[in-house]
Amino acid sequence: MVGESSLSRQREVDIYIGFFDQTAYDRFSCQAEEFSLVEEKGEKRKGEKEKKDKEDKENGIKKKKLSPEEESELKIPAKVAL
């Protein structure tokens, strides 16, 4: 410890961020105002889905289980206009 230069005690750290899909990156990179709009839209969609599910349950309509191939076809990433 004695006699070491101050440079030997400095550290360099590289930090990387990885995203699994474009939607996650879009949410990360948008501004606060844009993010609040995205959150509001998501809450609205969630409310509409819950309402539809409740109506379907009351009417006796059962959901069809989708295969993984069908699910991947239905997933469309949301784009955020920057």
PDB file of N, CA and C in Angstrom:
ATOM      1  N   MET A   1       0.806  -1.180   0.000  1.00  0.00           N
ATOM      2  CA  MET A   1       0.000   0.000   0.000  1.00  0.00           C
ATOM      3  C   MET A   1       0.861   1.259   0.000  1.00  0.00           C
ATOM      4  N   VAL A   2       1.889   1.255   0.741  1.00  0.00           N
ATOM      5  CA  VAL A   2       2.745   2.421   0.797  1.00  0.00           C
ATOM      6  C   VAL A   2       3.554   2.485  -0.485  1.00  0.00           C
ATOM      7  N   GLY A   3       3.569   3.650  -1.108  1.00  0.00           N
ATOM      8  CA  GLY A   3       4.348   3.818  -2.321  1.00  0.00           C
ATOM      9  C   GLY A   3       3.573   3.583  -3.599  1.00  0.00           C
ATOM     10  N   GLU A   4       2.313   3.123  -3.503  1.00  0.00           N
ATOM     11  CA  GLU A   4       1.516   2.922  -4.711  1.00  0.00           C
ATOM     12  C   GLU A   4       1.086   4.265  -5.264  1.00  0.00           C
ATOM     13  N   SER A   5       1.064   4.367  -6.548  1.00  0.00           N
ATOM     14  CA  SER A   5       0.609   5.616  -7.156  1.00  0.00           C
ATOM     15  C   SER A   5      -0.906   5.703  -7.076  1.00  0.00           C
ATOM     16  N   SER A   6      -1.434   6.888  -7.198  1.00  0.00           N
ATOM     17  CA  SER A   6      -2.881   7.080  -7.108  1.00  0.00           C
ATOM     18  C   SER A   6      -3.600   6.435  -8.290  1.00  0.00           C
ATOM     19  N   LEU A   7      -2.891   6.234  -9.392  1.00  0.00           N
ATOM     20  CA  LEU A   7      -3.515   5.619 -10.564  1.00  0.00           C
ATOM     21  C   LEU A   7      -3.844   4.153 -10.340  1.00  0.00           C
ATOM     22  N   SER A   8      -3.108   3.488  -9.503  1.00  0.00           N
ATOM     23  CA  SER A   8      -3.353   2.063  -9.302  1.00  0.00           C
ATOM     24  C   SER A   8      -4.631   1.819  -8.509  1.00  0.00           C
ATOM     25  N   ARG A   9      -5.141   2.822  -7.828  1.00  0.00           N
ATOM     26  CA  ARG A   9      -6.367   2.652  -7.046  1.00  0.00           C
ATOM     27  C   ARG A   9      -7.619   3.027  -7.829  1.00  0.00           C
ATOM     28  N   GLN A  10      -7.468   3.587  -8.997  1.00  0.00           N
ATOM     29  CA  GLN A  10      -8.632   3.938  -9.804  1.00  0.00           C
ATOM     30  C   GLN A  10      -9.145   2.686 -10.515  1.00  0.00           C
ATOM     31  N   ARG A  11     -10.451   2.648 -10.692  1.00  0.00           N
ATOM     32  CA  ARG A  11     -11.053   1.488 -11.353  1.00  0.00           C
ATOM     33  C   ARG A  11     -11.884   1.957 -12.533  1.00  0.00           C
ATOM     34  N   GLU A  12     -11.930   1.107 -13.520  1.00  0.00           N
ATOM     35  CA  GLU A  12     -12.762   1.355 -14.682  1.00  0.00           C
ATOM     36  C   GLU A  12     -13.803   0.260 -14.740  1.00  0.00           C
ATOM     37  N   VAL A  13     -15.047   0.639 -14.900  1.00  0.00           N
ATOM     38  CA  VAL A  13     -16.127  -0.335 -14.953  1.00  0.00           C
ATOM     39  C   VAL A  13     -16.989  -0.010 -16.169  1.00  0.00           C
ATOM     40  N   ASP A  14     -17.232  -1.001 -16.997  1.00  0.00           N
ATOM     41  CA  ASP A  14     -18.116  -0.847 -18.144  1.00  0.00           C
ATOM     42  C   ASP A  14     -19.445  -1.497 -17.801  1.00  0.00           C
ATOM     43  N   ILE A  15     -20.520  -0.798 -18.074  1.00  0.00           N
ATOM     44  CA  ILE A  15     -21.857  -1.308 -17.801  1.00  0.00           C
ATOM     45  C   ILE A  15     -22.607  -1.386 -19.123  1.00  0.00           C
ATOM     46  N   TYR A  16     -23.214  -2.517 -19.372  1.00  0.00           N
ATOM     47  CA  TYR A  16     -23.983  -2.734 -20.594  1.00  0.00           C
ATOM     48  C   TYR A  16     -25.426  -3.044 -20.229  1.00  0.00           C
ATOM     49  N   ILE A  17     -26.343  -2.564 -21.066  1.00  0.00           N
ATOM     50  CA  ILE A  17     -27.751  -2.855 -20.879  1.00  0.00           C
ATOM     51  C   ILE A  17     -28.208  -3.682 -22.076  1.00  0.00           C
ATOM     52  N   GLY A  18     -28.897  -4.772 -21.795  1.00  0.00           N
ATOM     53  CA  GLY A  18     -29.429  -5.620 -22.852  1.00  0.00           C
ATOM     54  C   GLY A  18     -30.948  -5.606 -22.821  1.00  0.00           C
ATOM     55  N   PHE A  19     -31.563  -5.612 -23.975  1.00  0.00           N
ATOM     56  CA  PHE A  19     -33.018  -5.628 -24.087  1.00  0.00           C
ATOM     57  C   PHE A  19     -33.425  -6.874 -24.857  1.00  0.00           C
ATOM     58  N   PHE A  20     -34.509  -7.487 -24.411  1.00  0.00           N
ATOM     59  CA  PHE A  20     -34.966  -8.711 -25.051  1.00  0.00           C
ATOM     60  C   PHE A  20     -35.796  -8.446 -26.307  1.00  0.00           C
ATOM     61  N   ASP A  21     -36.413  -7.289 -26.384  1.00  0.00           N
ATOM     62  CA  ASP A  21     -37.192  -6.964 -27.576  1.00  0.00           C
ATOM     63  C   ASP A  21     -37.246  -5.456 -27.793  1.00  0.00           C
ATOM     64  N   GLN A  22     -37.752  -5.062 -28.934  1.00  0.00           N
ATOM     65  CA  GLN A  22     -37.807  -3.649 -29.306  1.00  0.00           C
ATOM     66  C   GLN A  22     -38.726  -2.862 -28.378  1.00  0.00           C
ATOM     67  N   THR A  23     -39.800  -3.491 -27.914  1.00  0.00           N
ATOM     68  CA  THR A  23     -40.735  -2.811 -27.028  1.00  0.00           C
ATOM     69  C   THR A  23     -40.054  -2.380 -25.739  1.00  0.00           C
ATOM     70  N   ALA A  24     -39.255  -3.258 -25.174  1.00  0.00           N
ATOM     71  CA  ALA A  24     -38.541  -2.924 -23.932  1.00  0.00           C
ATOM     72  C   ALA A  24     -37.571  -1.768 -24.163  1.00  0.00           C
ATOM     73  N   TYR A  25     -36.882  -1.766 -25.286  1.00  0.00           N
ATOM     74  CA  TYR A  25     -35.957  -0.683 -25.593  1.00  0.00           C
ATOM     75  C   TYR A  25     -36.701   0.637 -25.781  1.00  0.00           C
ATOM     76  N   ASP A  26     -37.840   0.594 -26.484  1.00  0.00           N
ATOM     77  CA  ASP A  26     -38.633   1.799 -26.697  1.00  0.00           C
ATOM     78  C   ASP A  26     -39.103   2.394 -25.380  1.00  0.00           C
ATOM     79  N   ARG A  27     -39.550   1.542 -24.457  1.00  0.00           N
ATOM     80  CA  ARG A  27     -40.001   2.028 -23.153  1.00  0.00           C
ATOM     81  C   ARG A  27     -38.841   2.638 -22.383  1.00  0.00           C
ATOM     82  N   PHE A  28     -37.667   2.057 -22.480  1.00  0.00           N
ATOM     83  CA  PHE A  28     -36.494   2.560 -21.763  1.00  0.00           C
ATOM     84  C   PHE A  28     -36.025   3.902 -22.320  1.00  0.00           C
ATOM     85  N   SER A  29     -36.062   4.050 -23.629  1.00  0.00           N
ATOM     86  CA  SER A  29     -35.455   5.218 -24.261  1.00  0.00           C
ATOM     87  C   SER A  29     -36.391   6.427 -24.401  1.00  0.00           C
ATOM     88  N   CYS A  30     -37.673   6.287 -24.059  1.00  0.00           N
ATOM     89  CA  CYS A  30     -38.579   7.421 -24.241  1.00  0.00           C
ATOM     90  C   CYS A  30     -38.490   8.404 -23.071  1.00  0.00           C
ATOM     91  N   GLN A  31     -38.912   9.625 -23.325  1.00  0.00           N
ATOM     92  CA  GLN A  31     -38.897  10.687 -22.321  1.00  0.00           C
ATOM     93  C   GLN A  31     -40.020  10.465 -21.304  1.00  0.00           C
ATOM     94  N   ALA A  32     -40.002  11.227 -20.219  1.00  0.00           N
ATOM     95  CA  ALA A  32     -40.981  11.067 -19.143  1.00  0.00           C
ATOM     96  C   ALA A  32     -42.419  11.281 -19.643  1.00  0.00           C
ATOM     97  N   GLU A  33     -42.633  12.308 -20.471  1.00  0.00           N
ATOM     98  CA  GLU A  33     -43.975  12.577 -20.978  1.00  0.00           C
ATOM     99  C   GLU A  33     -44.461  11.434 -21.859  1.00  0.00           C
ATOM    100  N   GLU A  34     -43.570  10.965 -22.714  1.00  0.00           N
ATOM    101  CA  GLU A  34     -43.930   9.861 -23.603  1.00  0.00           C
ATOM    102  C   GLU A  34     -44.204   8.599 -22.802  1.00  0.00           C
ATOM    103  N   PHE A  35     -43.403   8.368 -21.764  1.00  0.00           N
ATOM    104  CA  PHE A  35     -43.589   7.175 -20.944  1.00  0.00           C
ATOM    105  C   PHE A  35     -44.942   7.214 -20.240  1.00  0.00           C
ATOM    106  N   SER A  36     -45.348   8.385 -19.748  1.00  0.00           N
ATOM    107  CA  SER A  36     -46.648   8.484 -19.081  1.00  0.00           C
ATOM    108  C   SER A  36     -47.775   8.189 -20.071  1.00  0.00           C
ATOM    109  N   LEU A  37     -47.622   8.631 -21.330  1.00  0.00           N
ATOM    110  CA  LEU A  37     -48.627   8.315 -22.347  1.00  0.00           C
ATOM    111  C   LEU A  37     -48.697   6.819 -22.614  1.00  0.00           C
ATOM    112  N   VAL A  38     -47.539   6.170 -22.672  1.00  0.00           N
ATOM    113  CA  VAL A  38     -47.492   4.722 -22.889  1.00  0.00           C
ATOM    114  C   VAL A  38     -48.155   3.991 -21.727  1.00  0.00           C
ATOM    115  N   GLU A  39     -47.880   4.441 -20.498  1.00  0.00           N
ATOM    116  CA  GLU A  39     -48.488   3.825 -19.321  1.00  0.00           C
ATOM    117  C   GLU A  39     -50.002   3.990 -19.332  1.00  0.00           C
ATOM    118  N   GLU A  40     -50.488   5.172 -19.677  1.00  0.00           N
ATOM    119  CA  GLU A  40     -51.926   5.413 -19.744  1.00  0.00           C
ATOM    120  C   GLU A  40     -52.576   4.508 -20.782  1.00  0.00           C
ATOM    121  N   LYS A  41     -51.927   4.385 -21.937  1.00  0.00           N
ATOM    122  CA  LYS A  41     -52.466   3.530 -22.997  1.00  0.00           C
ATOM    123  C   LYS A  41     -52.512   2.074 -22.531  1.00  0.00           C
ATOM    124  N   GLY A  42     -51.468   1.637 -21.837  1.00  0.00           N
ATOM    125  CA  GLY A  42     -51.429   0.270 -21.324  1.00  0.00           C
ATOM    126  C   GLY A  42     -52.515   0.021 -20.291  1.00  0.00           C
ATOM    127  N   GLU A  43     -52.747   0.988 -19.401  1.00  0.00           N
ATOM    128  CA  GLU A  43     -53.811   0.852 -18.408  1.00  0.00           C
ATOM    129  C   GLU A  43     -55.176   0.795 -19.083  1.00  0.00           C
ATOM    130  N   LYS A  44     -55.359   1.612 -20.127  1.00  0.00           N
ATOM    131  CA  LYS A  44     -56.625   1.613 -20.854  1.00  0.00           C
ATOM    132  C   LYS A  44     -56.863   0.260 -21.512  1.00  0.00           C
ATOM    133  N   ARG A  45     -55.820  -0.276 -22.157  1.00  0.00           N
ATOM    134  CA  ARG A  45     -55.946  -1.597 -22.797  1.00  0.00           C
ATOM    135  C   ARG A  45     -56.246  -2.678 -21.772  1.00  0.00           C
ATOM    136  N   LYS A  46     -55.582  -2.588 -20.627  1.00  0.00           N
ATOM    137  CA  LYS A  46     -55.794  -3.581 -19.567  1.00  0.00           C
ATOM    138  C   LYS A  46     -57.238  -3.528 -19.083  1.00  0.00           C
ATOM    139  N   GLY A  47     -57.760  -2.301 -18.879  1.00  0.00           N
ATOM    140  CA  GLY A  47     -59.139  -2.135 -18.441  1.00  0.00           C
ATOM    141  C   GLY A  47     -60.126  -2.678 -19.455  1.00  0.00           C
ATOM    142  N   GLU A  48     -59.868  -2.408 -20.737  1.00  0.00           N
ATOM    143  CA  GLU A  48     -60.742  -2.912 -21.800  1.00  0.00           C
ATOM    144  C   GLU A  48     -60.711  -4.438 -21.847  1.00  0.00           C
ATOM    145  N   LYS A  49     -59.523  -5.015 -21.676  1.00  0.00           N
ATOM    146  CA  LYS A  49     -59.397  -6.477 -21.708  1.00  0.00           C
ATOM    147  C   LYS A  49     -60.136  -7.107 -20.529  1.00  0.00           C
ATOM    148  N   GLU A  50     -59.984  -6.514 -19.337  1.00  0.00           N
ATOM    149  CA  GLU A  50     -60.672  -7.044 -18.165  1.00  0.00           C
ATOM    150  C   GLU A  50     -62.186  -6.941 -18.331  1.00  0.00           C
ATOM    151  N   LYS A  51     -62.647  -5.833 -18.906  1.00  0.00           N
ATOM    152  CA  LYS A  51     -64.078  -5.649 -19.134  1.00  0.00           C
ATOM    153  C   LYS A  51     -64.600  -6.697 -20.113  1.00  0.00           C
ATOM    154  N   LYS A  52     -63.854  -6.918 -21.191  1.00  0.00           N
ATOM    155  CA  LYS A  52     -64.261  -7.914 -22.189  1.00  0.00           C
ATOM    156  C   LYS A  52     -64.257  -9.311 -21.588  1.00  0.00           C
ATOM    157  N   ASP A  53     -63.231  -9.630 -20.788  1.00  0.00           N
ATOM    158  CA  ASP A  53     -63.163 -10.942 -20.142  1.00  0.00           C
ATOM    159  C   ASP A  53     -64.343 -11.149 -19.202  1.00  0.00           C
ATOM    160  N   LYS A  54     -64.711 -10.095 -18.481  1.00  0.00           N
ATOM    161  CA  LYS A  54     -65.845 -10.184 -17.555  1.00  0.00           C
ATOM    162  C   LYS A  54     -67.136 -10.429 -18.327  1.00  0.00           C
ATOM    163  N   GLU A  55     -67.319  -9.694 -19.440  1.00  0.00           N
ATOM    164  CA  GLU A  55     -68.509  -9.887 -20.266  1.00  0.00           C
ATOM    165  C   GLU A  55     -68.552 -11.295 -20.843  1.00  0.00           C
ATOM    166  N   ASP A  56     -67.410 -11.789 -21.307  1.00  0.00           N
ATOM    167  CA  ASP A  56     -67.352 -13.138 -21.863  1.00  0.00           C
ATOM    168  C   ASP A  56     -67.693 -14.171 -20.795  1.00  0.00           C
ATOM    169  N   LYS A  57     -67.203 -13.962 -19.593  1.00  0.00           N
ATOM    170  CA  LYS A  57     -67.468 -14.898 -18.502  1.00  0.00           C
ATOM    171  C   LYS A  57     -68.956 -14.906 -18.175  1.00  0.00           C
ATOM    172  N   GLU A  58     -69.581 -13.713 -18.152  1.00  0.00           N
ATOM    173  CA  GLU A  58     -71.008 -13.624 -17.874  1.00  0.00           C
ATOM    174  C   GLU A  58     -71.832 -14.289 -18.970  1.00  0.00           C
ATOM    175  N   ASN A  59     -71.362 -14.216 -20.212  1.00  0.00           N
ATOM    176  CA  ASN A  59     -72.081 -14.800 -21.339  1.00  0.00           C
ATOM    177  C   ASN A  59     -71.746 -16.269 -21.554  1.00  0.00           C
ATOM    178  N   GLY A  60     -70.833 -16.800 -20.763  1.00  0.00           N
ATOM    179  CA  GLY A  60     -70.477 -18.208 -20.869  1.00  0.00           C
ATOM    180  C   GLY A  60     -69.519 -18.518 -21.996  1.00  0.00           C
ATOM    181  N   ILE A  61     -68.799 -17.521 -22.488  1.00  0.00           N
ATOM    182  CA  ILE A  61     -67.839 -17.733 -23.566  1.00  0.00           C
ATOM    183  C   ILE A  61     -66.493 -18.100 -22.951  1.00  0.00           C
ATOM    184  N   LYS A  62     -65.938 -19.202 -23.392  1.00  0.00           N
ATOM    185  CA  LYS A  62     -64.644 -19.638 -22.877  1.00  0.00           C
ATOM    186  C   LYS A  62     -63.540 -19.225 -23.838  1.00  0.00           C
ATOM    187  N   LYS A  63     -62.384 -18.935 -23.274  1.00  0.00           N
ATOM    188  CA  LYS A  63     -61.230 -18.572 -24.094  1.00  0.00           C
ATOM    189  C   LYS A  63     -60.617 -19.812 -24.720  1.00  0.00           C
ATOM    190  N   LYS A  64     -60.168 -19.655 -25.933  1.00  0.00           N
ATOM    191  CA  LYS A  64     -59.486 -20.732 -26.634  1.00  0.00           C
ATOM    192  C   LYS A  64     -57.999 -20.650 -26.306  1.00  0.00           C
ATOM    193  N   LYS A  65     -57.408 -21.769 -25.930  1.00  0.00           N
ATOM    194  CA  LYS A  65     -55.969 -21.820 -25.687  1.00  0.00           C
ATOM    195  C   LYS A  65     -55.251 -21.814 -27.024  1.00  0.00           C
ATOM    196  N   LEU A  66     -54.300 -20.911 -27.163  1.00  0.00           N
ATOM    197  CA  LEU A  66     -53.552 -20.786 -28.410  1.00  0.00           C
ATOM    198  C   LEU A  66     -52.258 -21.590 -28.343  1.00  0.00           C
ATOM    199  N   SER A  67     -51.848 -22.089 -29.485  1.00  0.00           N
ATOM    200  CA  SER A  67     -50.559 -22.756 -29.571  1.00  0.00           C
ATOM    201  C   SER A  67     -49.465 -21.687 -29.561  1.00  0.00           C
ATOM    202  N   PRO A  68     -48.230 -22.063 -29.246  1.00  0.00           N
ATOM    203  CA  PRO A  68     -47.143 -21.074 -29.252  1.00  0.00           C
ATOM    204  C   PRO A  68     -46.972 -20.372 -30.597  1.00  0.00           C
ATOM    205  N   GLU A  69     -47.236 -21.093 -31.701  1.00  0.00           N
ATOM    206  CA  GLU A  69     -47.117 -20.474 -33.018  1.00  0.00           C
ATOM    207  C   GLU A  69     -48.183 -19.395 -33.212  1.00  0.00           C
ATOM    208  N   GLU A  70     -49.419 -19.691 -32.768  1.00  0.00           N
ATOM    209  CA  GLU A  70     -50.492 -18.714 -32.892  1.00  0.00           C
ATOM    210  C   GLU A  70     -50.236 -17.489 -32.013  1.00  0.00           C
ATOM    211  N   GLU A  71     -49.699 -17.716 -30.803  1.00  0.00           N
ATOM    212  CA  GLU A  71     -49.391 -16.607 -29.900  1.00  0.00           C
ATOM    213  C   GLU A  71     -48.344 -15.681 -30.500  1.00  0.00           C
ATOM    214  N   SER A  72     -47.300 -16.270 -31.109  1.00  0.00           N
ATOM    215  CA  SER A  72     -46.237 -15.446 -31.680  1.00  0.00           C
ATOM    216  C   SER A  72     -46.750 -14.619 -32.859  1.00  0.00           C
ATOM    217  N   GLU A  73     -47.744 -15.134 -33.588  1.00  0.00           N
ATOM    218  CA  GLU A  73     -48.322 -14.384 -34.698  1.00  0.00           C
ATOM    219  C   GLU A  73     -49.135 -13.193 -34.202  1.00  0.00           C
ATOM    220  N   LEU A  74     -49.738 -13.309 -33.021  1.00  0.00           N
ATOM    221  CA  LEU A  74     -50.577 -12.250 -32.487  1.00  0.00           C
ATOM    222  C   LEU A  74     -49.791 -11.145 -31.803  1.00  0.00           C
ATOM    223  N   LYS A  75     -48.583 -11.433 -31.353  1.00  0.00           N
ATOM    224  CA  LYS A  75     -47.794 -10.447 -30.643  1.00  0.00           C
ATOM    225  C   LYS A  75     -47.201  -9.442 -31.624  1.00  0.00           C
ATOM    226  N   ILE A  76     -47.654  -8.221 -31.481  1.00  0.00           N
ATOM    227  CA  ILE A  76     -47.155  -7.138 -32.318  1.00  0.00           C
ATOM    228  C   ILE A  76     -46.575  -6.101 -31.370  1.00  0.00           C
ATOM    229  N   PRO A  77     -45.281  -5.815 -31.478  1.00  0.00           N
ATOM    230  CA  PRO A  77     -44.684  -4.853 -30.549  1.00  0.00           C
ATOM    231  C   PRO A  77     -45.249  -3.452 -30.750  1.00  0.00           C
ATOM    232  N   ALA A  78     -45.489  -2.769 -29.646  1.00  0.00           N
ATOM    233  CA  ALA A  78     -45.980  -1.394 -29.700  1.00  0.00           C
ATOM    234  C   ALA A  78     -44.825  -0.460 -30.016  1.00  0.00           C
ATOM    235  N   LYS A  79     -45.033   0.428 -30.939  1.00  0.00           N
ATOM    236  CA  LYS A  79     -43.989   1.392 -31.293  1.00  0.00           C
ATOM    237  C   LYS A  79     -44.309   2.721 -30.650  1.00  0.00           C
ATOM    238  N   VAL A  80     -43.305   3.336 -30.087  1.00  0.00           N
ATOM    239  CA  VAL A  80     -43.455   4.647 -29.481  1.00  0.00           C
ATOM    240  C   VAL A  80     -42.857   5.668 -30.424  1.00  0.00           C
ATOM    241  N   ALA A  81     -43.670   6.636 -30.810  1.00  0.00           N
ATOM    242  CA  ALA A  81     -43.183   7.684 -31.710  1.00  0.00           C
ATOM    243  C   ALA A  81     -42.294   8.632 -30.914  1.00  0.00           C
ATOM    244  N   LEU A  82     -41.069   8.772 -31.364  1.00  0.00           N
ATOM    245  CA  LEU A  82     -40.144   9.650 -30.659  1.00  0.00           C
ATOM    246  C   LEU A  82     -39.949  10.933 -31.398  1.00  0.00           C
TER     247      LEU A  82
END
